[in-house]
Amino acid sequence: MGSQVSKQVARRKAISTEKKALCDLHGSCGDTYPGSDYRPADRKNWMGGLNPEKVHINKIVWPGTHDSATNKIGFPLISRPFAQCQSLSIYQQLCRGARVLDIRVQEDRRICHGILKTYSVDVVINDVKKFLSEAQSEIIILEIRTEFGHEDPADFDKYLEEQLGEYLIHQDDHVFGKTIAELLPKRIICIWKPRKSPQPKHGGPLWSAGYLKDNWIDTDLPSTKFESNMKHLNRLQIFSTDFIDEDFVDACVGLTHARIEGKA
């Protein structure tokens, strides 16, 4: 009992120390960063507002959501608070400015988070297609995986191709150096991460797991998590968050604008 209390005391001290480190970093750097003075006129169409002919895929700072389809998961006031990571629907998140979606499925094609489940993945697909029908120059990264502890849905790769075929950008390393205008009318980079089924192949309509690697670190130490997130940025500069808000989107869009203009 005494050792457990000592561990908890030590952990609270560590959290407090790391919070102070982040506060000190914020104090020394301030609130100003490249693009901090830029605000998109229309978050629903923010990529189009940056000029698709100038925006290269590898210059985008992508605002994303974690466990994107959990807005109705579990039972309200009972299990939902433990599993919900977003309060908005997929369509609402995209309209707010999110461009990376993290979708977890189980064997019956329902969305899940651990043992809790919610609506069918059809709801996600329909929301994505609705958004794309209203926005003409927005690129989406749609990451779909089989949740840990579950089996792959049968023929799920074929399902994705049938549902999204007209929008799918094929797996090709040259995509990262292209502009949005060069990719249009294709608008979805769909990364399919099965647990046991074959991985998508190069040149196909779906992308394999290697293009978007997980960097989840199981810690509640704020500075440790921040440093891990910064260390694992790669060709796709993605930042994902729970309960996405406008300030988060604006920061990503502002930094993207600065990179396009050669200011970052």
C-alpha atoms as a PDB file:
ATOM      1  CA  MET A   1       0.000   0.000   0.000  1.00  0.00           C
ATOM      2  CA  GLY A   2       2.803   2.374   0.965  1.00  0.00           C
ATOM      3  CA  SER A   3       4.685   1.751  -2.277  1.00  0.00           C
ATOM      4  CA  GLN A   4       1.571   2.518  -4.355  1.00  0.00           C
ATOM      5  CA  VAL A   5       1.075   5.809  -2.530  1.00  0.00           C
ATOM      6  CA  SER A   6       4.728   6.684  -3.129  1.00  0.00           C
ATOM      7  CA  LYS A   7       4.357   5.930  -6.849  1.00  0.00           C
ATOM      8  CA  GLN A   8       1.277   8.143  -7.107  1.00  0.00           C
ATOM      9  CA  VAL A   9       3.046  10.986  -5.314  1.00  0.00           C
ATOM     10  CA  ALA A  10       6.063  10.628  -7.619  1.00  0.00           C
ATOM     11  CA  ARG A  11       3.824  10.590 -10.714  1.00  0.00           C
ATOM     12  CA  ARG A  12       1.988  13.748  -9.635  1.00  0.00           C
ATOM     13  CA  LYS A  13       5.320  15.477  -9.122  1.00  0.00           C
ATOM     14  CA  ALA A  14       6.452  14.360 -12.593  1.00  0.00           C
ATOM     15  CA  ILE A  15       3.247  15.638 -14.204  1.00  0.00           C
ATOM     16  CA  SER A  16       3.598  18.952 -12.377  1.00  0.00           C
ATOM     17  CA  THR A  17       7.233  19.267 -13.485  1.00  0.00           C
ATOM     18  CA  GLU A  18       6.390  18.538 -17.114  1.00  0.00           C
ATOM     19  CA  LYS A  19       3.454  20.971 -17.102  1.00  0.00           C
ATOM     20  CA  LYS A  20       5.848  23.651 -15.869  1.00  0.00           C
ATOM     21  CA  ALA A  21       8.297  22.747 -18.654  1.00  0.00           C
ATOM     22  CA  LEU A  22       5.599  23.263 -21.282  1.00  0.00           C
ATOM     23  CA  CYS A  23       4.492  26.524 -19.656  1.00  0.00           C
ATOM     24  CA  ASP A  24       8.109  27.737 -19.699  1.00  0.00           C
ATOM     25  CA  LEU A  25       8.391  26.744 -23.379  1.00  0.00           C
ATOM     26  CA  HIS A  26       5.207  28.660 -24.159  1.00  0.00           C
ATOM     27  CA  GLY A  27       6.494  31.637 -22.217  1.00  0.00           C
ATOM     28  CA  SER A  28       9.787  31.720 -24.121  1.00  0.00           C
ATOM     29  CA  CYS A  29       8.183  31.186 -27.543  1.00  0.00           C
ATOM     30  CA  GLY A  30       4.996  33.185 -27.035  1.00  0.00           C
ATOM     31  CA  ASP A  31       1.795  32.864 -29.044  1.00  0.00           C
ATOM     32  CA  THR A  32       3.344  33.911 -32.332  1.00  0.00           C
ATOM     33  CA  TYR A  33       4.385  31.328 -34.934  1.00  0.00           C
ATOM     34  CA  PRO A  34       4.588  31.326 -38.745  1.00  0.00           C
ATOM     35  CA  GLY A  35       1.051  31.815 -39.992  1.00  0.00           C
ATOM     36  CA  SER A  36      -0.441  32.725 -36.600  1.00  0.00           C
ATOM     37  CA  ASP A  37      -1.919  35.894 -38.125  1.00  0.00           C
ATOM     38  CA  TYR A  38      -3.772  33.955 -40.862  1.00  0.00           C
ATOM     39  CA  ARG A  39      -7.401  32.874 -40.538  1.00  0.00           C
ATOM     40  CA  PRO A  40      -9.255  30.943 -43.260  1.00  0.00           C
ATOM     41  CA  ALA A  41     -12.278  32.816 -44.588  1.00  0.00           C
ATOM     42  CA  ASP A  42     -14.172  29.519 -44.901  1.00  0.00           C
ATOM     43  CA  ARG A  43     -13.008  26.490 -42.896  1.00  0.00           C
ATOM     44  CA  LYS A  44     -15.202  24.173 -44.957  1.00  0.00           C
ATOM     45  CA  ASN A  45     -13.186  25.119 -48.054  1.00  0.00           C
ATOM     46  CA  TRP A  46      -9.870  26.116 -46.546  1.00  0.00           C
ATOM     47  CA  MET A  47      -7.707  24.205 -49.036  1.00  0.00           C
ATOM     48  CA  GLY A  48      -9.509  25.845 -51.928  1.00  0.00           C
ATOM     49  CA  GLY A  49      -8.923  29.214 -50.252  1.00  0.00           C
ATOM     50  CA  LEU A  50      -5.146  28.635 -50.319  1.00  0.00           C
ATOM     51  CA  ASN A  51      -5.145  28.140 -54.126  1.00  0.00           C
ATOM     52  CA  PRO A  52      -4.983  24.428 -55.132  1.00  0.00           C
ATOM     53  CA  GLU A  53      -2.384  25.192 -57.807  1.00  0.00           C
ATOM     54  CA  LYS A  54       0.083  26.323 -55.135  1.00  0.00           C
ATOM     55  CA  VAL A  55      -0.630  23.805 -52.361  1.00  0.00           C
ATOM     56  CA  HIS A  56       1.685  20.775 -52.477  1.00  0.00           C
ATOM     57  CA  ILE A  57       0.599  17.755 -50.441  1.00  0.00           C
ATOM     58  CA  ASN A  58       3.899  17.644 -48.537  1.00  0.00           C
ATOM     59  CA  LYS A  59       3.474  21.290 -47.458  1.00  0.00           C
ATOM     60  CA  ILE A  60       0.106  20.781 -45.783  1.00  0.00           C
ATOM     61  CA  VAL A  61      -0.171  20.672 -41.999  1.00  0.00           C
ATOM     62  CA  TRP A  62      -3.155  18.349 -41.696  1.00  0.00           C
ATOM     63  CA  PRO A  63      -5.707  18.909 -38.892  1.00  0.00           C
ATOM     64  CA  GLY A  64      -7.150  15.539 -37.908  1.00  0.00           C
ATOM     65  CA  THR A  65      -9.410  13.929 -35.363  1.00  0.00           C
ATOM     66  CA  HIS A  66      -8.662  10.928 -33.141  1.00  0.00           C
ATOM     67  CA  ASP A  67     -11.276   8.140 -32.995  1.00  0.00           C
ATOM     68  CA  SER A  68     -13.317  10.288 -35.349  1.00  0.00           C
ATOM     69  CA  ALA A  69     -16.582   8.327 -35.386  1.00  0.00           C
ATOM     70  CA  THR A  70     -17.240   8.079 -31.651  1.00  0.00           C
ATOM     71  CA  ASN A  71     -19.783  10.890 -31.321  1.00  0.00           C
ATOM     72  CA  LYS A  72     -22.582   8.410 -30.547  1.00  0.00           C
ATOM     73  CA  ILE A  73     -20.642   5.489 -29.121  1.00  0.00           C
ATOM     74  CA  GLY A  74     -21.829   3.586 -26.053  1.00  0.00           C
ATOM     75  CA  PHE A  75     -24.653   4.675 -23.767  1.00  0.00           C
ATOM     76  CA  PRO A  76     -25.123   8.351 -22.817  1.00  0.00           C
ATOM     77  CA  LEU A  77     -23.943   9.175 -19.275  1.00  0.00           C
ATOM     78  CA  ILE A  78     -22.879   5.530 -18.740  1.00  0.00           C
ATOM     79  CA  SER A  79     -20.222   4.207 -21.118  1.00  0.00           C
ATOM     80  CA  ARG A  80     -20.044   7.093 -23.614  1.00  0.00           C
ATOM     81  CA  PRO A  81     -17.872   9.373 -21.438  1.00  0.00           C
ATOM     82  CA  PHE A  82     -15.184   6.677 -21.328  1.00  0.00           C
ATOM     83  CA  ALA A  83     -14.992   6.144 -25.103  1.00  0.00           C
ATOM     84  CA  GLN A  84     -16.188   9.320 -26.807  1.00  0.00           C
ATOM     85  CA  CYS A  85     -13.424  11.341 -28.444  1.00  0.00           C
ATOM     86  CA  GLN A  86     -15.565  13.532 -30.722  1.00  0.00           C
ATOM     87  CA  SER A  87     -18.957  15.192 -30.213  1.00  0.00           C
ATOM     88  CA  LEU A  88     -19.450  16.151 -33.876  1.00  0.00           C
ATOM     89  CA  SER A  89     -20.487  13.916 -36.758  1.00  0.00           C
ATOM     90  CA  ILE A  90     -17.966  13.160 -39.510  1.00  0.00           C
ATOM     91  CA  TYR A  91     -19.673  15.667 -41.814  1.00  0.00           C
ATOM     92  CA  GLN A  92     -19.575  18.372 -39.120  1.00  0.00           C
ATOM     93  CA  GLN A  93     -15.883  17.702 -38.436  1.00  0.00           C
ATOM     94  CA  LEU A  94     -15.053  18.065 -42.124  1.00  0.00           C
ATOM     95  CA  CYS A  95     -17.037  21.299 -42.326  1.00  0.00           C
ATOM     96  CA  ARG A  96     -15.123  22.586 -39.301  1.00  0.00           C
ATOM     97  CA  GLY A  97     -11.868  21.926 -41.155  1.00  0.00           C
ATOM     98  CA  ALA A  98     -10.688  18.425 -40.214  1.00  0.00           C
ATOM     99  CA  ARG A  99      -8.953  16.685 -43.122  1.00  0.00           C
ATOM    100  CA  VAL A 100      -7.714  13.474 -41.492  1.00  0.00           C
ATOM    101  CA  LEU A 101     -10.173  10.922 -40.120  1.00  0.00           C
ATOM    102  CA  ASP A 102      -9.293   8.009 -37.831  1.00  0.00           C
ATOM    103  CA  ILE A 103     -11.902   5.263 -38.221  1.00  0.00           C
ATOM    104  CA  ARG A 104     -11.905   1.947 -36.277  1.00  0.00           C
ATOM    105  CA  VAL A 105     -14.077  -0.959 -37.452  1.00  0.00           C
ATOM    106  CA  GLN A 106     -14.953  -4.462 -36.291  1.00  0.00           C
ATOM    107  CA  GLU A 107     -15.885  -7.608 -38.223  1.00  0.00           C
ATOM    108  CA  ASP A 108     -19.502  -6.545 -38.901  1.00  0.00           C
ATOM    109  CA  ARG A 109     -18.388  -3.157 -40.311  1.00  0.00           C
ATOM    110  CA  ARG A 110     -19.617  -1.237 -37.292  1.00  0.00           C
ATOM    111  CA  ILE A 111     -17.495   1.494 -35.756  1.00  0.00           C
ATOM    112  CA  CYS A 112     -15.985   0.549 -32.410  1.00  0.00           C
ATOM    113  CA  HIS A 113     -13.651   1.767 -29.704  1.00  0.00           C
ATOM    114  CA  GLY A 114     -12.392  -1.247 -27.807  1.00  0.00           C
ATOM    115  CA  ILE A 115     -15.424  -3.300 -26.804  1.00  0.00           C
ATOM    116  CA  LEU A 116     -17.917  -0.471 -27.354  1.00  0.00           C
ATOM    117  CA  LYS A 117     -19.595  -0.094 -30.731  1.00  0.00           C
ATOM    118  CA  THR A 118     -21.779   2.396 -32.566  1.00  0.00           C
ATOM    119  CA  TYR A 119     -23.169   2.932 -36.055  1.00  0.00           C
ATOM    120  CA  SER A 120     -22.143   1.241 -39.320  1.00  0.00           C
ATOM    121  CA  VAL A 121     -19.183   2.505 -41.321  1.00  0.00           C
ATOM    122  CA  ASP A 122     -21.776   3.343 -44.000  1.00  0.00           C
ATOM    123  CA  VAL A 123     -22.602   6.446 -41.938  1.00  0.00           C
ATOM    124  CA  VAL A 124     -18.985   7.595 -42.208  1.00  0.00           C
ATOM    125  CA  ILE A 125     -18.802   6.935 -45.948  1.00  0.00           C
ATOM    126  CA  ASN A 126     -22.062   8.800 -46.583  1.00  0.00           C
ATOM    127  CA  ASP A 127     -20.875  11.797 -44.561  1.00  0.00           C
ATOM    128  CA  VAL A 128     -17.592  11.892 -46.487  1.00  0.00           C
ATOM    129  CA  LYS A 129     -19.385  11.733 -49.837  1.00  0.00           C
ATOM    130  CA  LYS A 130     -21.856  14.417 -48.760  1.00  0.00           C
ATOM    131  CA  PHE A 131     -19.004  16.739 -47.831  1.00  0.00           C
ATOM    132  CA  LEU A 132     -17.095  16.110 -51.062  1.00  0.00           C
ATOM    133  CA  SER A 133     -20.226  16.847 -53.081  1.00  0.00           C
ATOM    134  CA  GLU A 134     -20.300  20.323 -51.506  1.00  0.00           C
ATOM    135  CA  ALA A 135     -16.564  21.163 -51.494  1.00  0.00           C
ATOM    136  CA  GLN A 136     -14.645  20.981 -54.753  1.00  0.00           C
ATOM    137  CA  SER A 137     -10.947  21.310 -53.823  1.00  0.00           C
ATOM    138  CA  GLU A 138     -10.578  19.601 -50.430  1.00  0.00           C
ATOM    139  CA  ILE A 139      -8.339  16.532 -50.010  1.00  0.00           C
ATOM    140  CA  ILE A 140      -9.146  14.054 -47.208  1.00  0.00           C
ATOM    141  CA  ILE A 141      -6.929  11.414 -45.608  1.00  0.00           C
ATOM    142  CA  LEU A 142      -9.246   8.617 -44.534  1.00  0.00           C
ATOM    143  CA  GLU A 143      -7.474   6.132 -42.266  1.00  0.00           C
ATOM    144  CA  ILE A 144      -9.515   3.019 -41.571  1.00  0.00           C
ATOM    145  CA  ARG A 145      -8.264   0.143 -39.448  1.00  0.00           C
ATOM    146  CA  THR A 146      -9.541  -2.989 -37.807  1.00  0.00           C
ATOM    147  CA  GLU A 147      -9.705  -2.250 -34.091  1.00  0.00           C
ATOM    148  CA  PHE A 148      -7.380  -4.205 -31.811  1.00  0.00           C
ATOM    149  CA  GLY A 149      -8.995  -7.422 -30.585  1.00  0.00           C
ATOM    150  CA  HIS A 150     -11.330  -7.675 -33.586  1.00  0.00           C
ATOM    151  CA  GLU A 151     -11.292  -9.520 -36.902  1.00  0.00           C
ATOM    152  CA  ASP A 152     -11.124  -7.825 -40.296  1.00  0.00           C
ATOM    153  CA  PRO A 153     -14.480  -7.219 -42.002  1.00  0.00           C
ATOM    154  CA  ALA A 154     -14.872  -9.587 -44.961  1.00  0.00           C
ATOM    155  CA  ASP A 155     -13.902  -8.121 -48.358  1.00  0.00           C
ATOM    156  CA  PHE A 156     -13.554  -4.674 -46.819  1.00  0.00           C
ATOM    157  CA  ASP A 157     -11.049  -3.483 -49.409  1.00  0.00           C
ATOM    158  CA  LYS A 158     -13.582  -4.198 -52.153  1.00  0.00           C
ATOM    159  CA  TYR A 159     -16.262  -2.362 -50.175  1.00  0.00           C
ATOM    160  CA  LEU A 160     -14.081   0.760 -49.913  1.00  0.00           C
ATOM    161  CA  GLU A 161     -13.257   0.677 -53.609  1.00  0.00           C
ATOM    162  CA  GLU A 162     -16.909   0.294 -54.558  1.00  0.00           C
ATOM    163  CA  GLN A 163     -18.061   3.097 -52.263  1.00  0.00           C
ATOM    164  CA  LEU A 164     -15.275   5.620 -52.881  1.00  0.00           C
ATOM    165  CA  GLY A 165     -13.726   4.587 -56.205  1.00  0.00           C
ATOM    166  CA  GLU A 166     -14.361   7.836 -58.068  1.00  0.00           C
ATOM    167  CA  TYR A 167     -12.569   9.845 -55.355  1.00  0.00           C
ATOM    168  CA  LEU A 168      -9.620   7.546 -54.543  1.00  0.00           C
ATOM    169  CA  ILE A 169      -6.052   8.766 -55.118  1.00  0.00           C
ATOM    170  CA  HIS A 170      -3.951   5.695 -55.954  1.00  0.00           C
ATOM    171  CA  GLN A 171      -0.973   4.670 -53.827  1.00  0.00           C
ATOM    172  CA  ASP A 172       2.074   6.388 -55.347  1.00  0.00           C
ATOM    173  CA  ASP A 173       5.031   8.105 -53.657  1.00  0.00           C
ATOM    174  CA  HIS A 174       4.936  10.882 -56.260  1.00  0.00           C
ATOM    175  CA  VAL A 175       1.631  12.098 -54.787  1.00  0.00           C
ATOM    176  CA  PHE A 176       3.442  13.906 -51.960  1.00  0.00           C
ATOM    177  CA  GLY A 177       5.215  16.244 -54.360  1.00  0.00           C
ATOM    178  CA  LYS A 178       2.095  17.107 -56.337  1.00  0.00           C
ATOM    179  CA  THR A 179      -0.301  19.996 -55.856  1.00  0.00           C
ATOM    180  CA  ILE A 180      -3.966  19.637 -55.008  1.00  0.00           C
ATOM    181  CA  ALA A 181      -4.819  20.846 -58.520  1.00  0.00           C
ATOM    182  CA  GLU A 182      -2.741  18.027 -60.030  1.00  0.00           C
ATOM    183  CA  LEU A 183      -4.663  15.413 -58.030  1.00  0.00           C
ATOM    184  CA  LEU A 184      -8.181  16.686 -58.684  1.00  0.00           C
ATOM    185  CA  PRO A 185     -10.847  15.395 -59.240  1.00  0.00           C
ATOM    186  CA  LYS A 186      -9.481  12.560 -57.027  1.00  0.00           C
ATOM    187  CA  ARG A 187      -9.721  13.687 -53.403  1.00  0.00           C
ATOM    188  CA  ILE A 188      -9.273  10.838 -50.915  1.00  0.00           C
ATOM    189  CA  ILE A 189      -6.077   9.177 -49.720  1.00  0.00           C
ATOM    190  CA  CYS A 190      -7.622   6.082 -48.141  1.00  0.00           C
ATOM    191  CA  ILE A 191      -5.299   4.130 -45.869  1.00  0.00           C
ATOM    192  CA  TRP A 192      -6.627   0.659 -45.039  1.00  0.00           C
ATOM    193  CA  LYS A 193      -4.982  -1.104 -42.065  1.00  0.00           C
ATOM    194  CA  PRO A 194      -6.287  -4.664 -41.727  1.00  0.00           C
ATOM    195  CA  ARG A 195      -5.009  -6.885 -38.934  1.00  0.00           C
ATOM    196  CA  LYS A 196      -4.701 -10.129 -40.921  1.00  0.00           C
ATOM    197  CA  SER A 197      -5.927  -9.502 -44.458  1.00  0.00           C
ATOM    198  CA  PRO A 198      -3.379  -8.594 -47.184  1.00  0.00           C
ATOM    199  CA  GLN A 199      -2.094  -5.017 -47.166  1.00  0.00           C
ATOM    200  CA  PRO A 200      -2.991  -2.736 -50.101  1.00  0.00           C
ATOM    201  CA  LYS A 201      -0.440  -2.882 -52.925  1.00  0.00           C
ATOM    202  CA  HIS A 202       1.540  -0.094 -54.573  1.00  0.00           C
ATOM    203  CA  GLY A 203      -0.372   1.435 -57.446  1.00  0.00           C
ATOM    204  CA  GLY A 204      -3.744   0.309 -56.127  1.00  0.00           C
ATOM    205  CA  PRO A 205      -6.615   2.550 -55.025  1.00  0.00           C
ATOM    206  CA  LEU A 206      -5.933   2.009 -51.295  1.00  0.00           C
ATOM    207  CA  TRP A 207      -2.805   2.900 -49.317  1.00  0.00           C
ATOM    208  CA  SER A 208      -0.884   0.599 -46.955  1.00  0.00           C
ATOM    209  CA  ALA A 209      -0.179   1.160 -43.255  1.00  0.00           C
ATOM    210  CA  GLY A 210       3.428   2.265 -43.800  1.00  0.00           C
ATOM    211  CA  TYR A 211       2.328   5.663 -45.079  1.00  0.00           C
ATOM    212  CA  LEU A 212       0.696   6.638 -41.799  1.00  0.00           C
ATOM    213  CA  LYS A 213       2.459   5.064 -38.849  1.00  0.00           C
ATOM    214  CA  ASP A 214       1.054   5.160 -35.330  1.00  0.00           C
ATOM    215  CA  ASN A 215       3.017   7.125 -32.763  1.00  0.00           C
ATOM    216  CA  TRP A 216       0.671   6.690 -29.792  1.00  0.00           C
ATOM    217  CA  ILE A 217       2.558   6.874 -26.524  1.00  0.00           C
ATOM    218  CA  ASP A 218       0.713   5.665 -23.429  1.00  0.00           C
ATOM    219  CA  THR A 219       1.568   8.412 -20.969  1.00  0.00           C
ATOM    220  CA  ASP A 220      -0.143  11.222 -19.115  1.00  0.00           C
ATOM    221  CA  LEU A 221       3.112  13.212 -18.873  1.00  0.00           C
ATOM    222  CA  PRO A 222       2.389  16.295 -21.009  1.00  0.00           C
ATOM    223  CA  SER A 223       5.936  17.236 -22.053  1.00  0.00           C
ATOM    224  CA  THR A 224       6.814  13.620 -22.902  1.00  0.00           C
ATOM    225  CA  LYS A 225       3.729  13.328 -25.118  1.00  0.00           C
ATOM    226  CA  PHE A 226       4.471  16.670 -26.824  1.00  0.00           C
ATOM    227  CA  GLU A 227       8.078  15.713 -27.603  1.00  0.00           C
ATOM    228  CA  SER A 228       6.962  12.320 -28.942  1.00  0.00           C
ATOM    229  CA  ASN A 229       4.397  13.950 -31.249  1.00  0.00           C
ATOM    230  CA  MET A 230       6.967  16.361 -32.670  1.00  0.00           C
ATOM    231  CA  LYS A 231       9.565  13.613 -33.135  1.00  0.00           C
ATOM    232  CA  HIS A 232       7.299  11.362 -35.225  1.00  0.00           C
ATOM    233  CA  LEU A 233       6.174  13.842 -37.885  1.00  0.00           C
ATOM    234  CA  ASN A 234       6.966  12.447 -41.372  1.00  0.00           C
ATOM    235  CA  ARG A 235       5.956  13.021 -44.999  1.00  0.00           C
ATOM    236  CA  LEU A 236       2.401  13.665 -43.886  1.00  0.00           C
ATOM    237  CA  GLN A 237       2.497  16.402 -41.258  1.00  0.00           C
ATOM    238  CA  ILE A 238      -0.564  15.376 -39.264  1.00  0.00           C
ATOM    239  CA  PHE A 239      -1.789  16.648 -35.920  1.00  0.00           C
ATOM    240  CA  SER A 240      -4.864  14.906 -34.493  1.00  0.00           C
ATOM    241  CA  THR A 241      -6.973  15.911 -31.534  1.00  0.00           C
ATOM    242  CA  ASP A 242     -10.004  14.933 -29.482  1.00  0.00           C
ATOM    243  CA  PHE A 243     -13.050  17.242 -29.697  1.00  0.00           C
ATOM    244  CA  ILE A 244     -11.713  19.377 -32.546  1.00  0.00           C
ATOM    245  CA  ASP A 245     -12.223  23.141 -32.340  1.00  0.00           C
ATOM    246  CA  GLU A 246     -11.725  26.137 -34.627  1.00  0.00           C
ATOM    247  CA  ASP A 247      -8.479  27.345 -33.008  1.00  0.00           C
ATOM    248  CA  PHE A 248      -6.820  23.983 -33.693  1.00  0.00           C
ATOM    249  CA  VAL A 249      -7.891  24.072 -37.343  1.00  0.00           C
ATOM    250  CA  ASP A 250      -6.816  27.695 -37.767  1.00  0.00           C
ATOM    251  CA  ALA A 251      -3.351  26.946 -36.378  1.00  0.00           C
ATOM    252  CA  CYS A 252      -2.829  24.112 -38.899  1.00  0.00           C
ATOM    253  CA  VAL A 253      -4.192  26.166 -41.796  1.00  0.00           C
ATOM    254  CA  GLY A 254      -2.138  29.202 -40.804  1.00  0.00           C
ATOM    255  CA  LEU A 255       1.081  27.197 -40.688  1.00  0.00           C
ATOM    256  CA  THR A 256       0.213  25.602 -44.053  1.00  0.00           C
ATOM    257  CA  HIS A 257      -0.274  29.088 -45.519  1.00  0.00           C
ATOM    258  CA  ALA A 258       3.108  30.183 -44.142  1.00  0.00           C
ATOM    259  CA  ARG A 259       4.831  27.136 -45.655  1.00  0.00           C
ATOM    260  CA  ILE A 260       3.269  27.794 -49.073  1.00  0.00           C
ATOM    261  CA  GLU A 261       4.434  31.416 -48.939  1.00  0.00           C
ATOM    262  CA  GLY A 262       7.966  30.375 -47.914  1.00  0.00           C
ATOM    263  CA  LYS A 263       7.678  31.852 -44.428  1.00  0.00           C
ATOM    264  CA  ALA A 264       8.069  28.579 -42.513  1.00  0.00           C
END
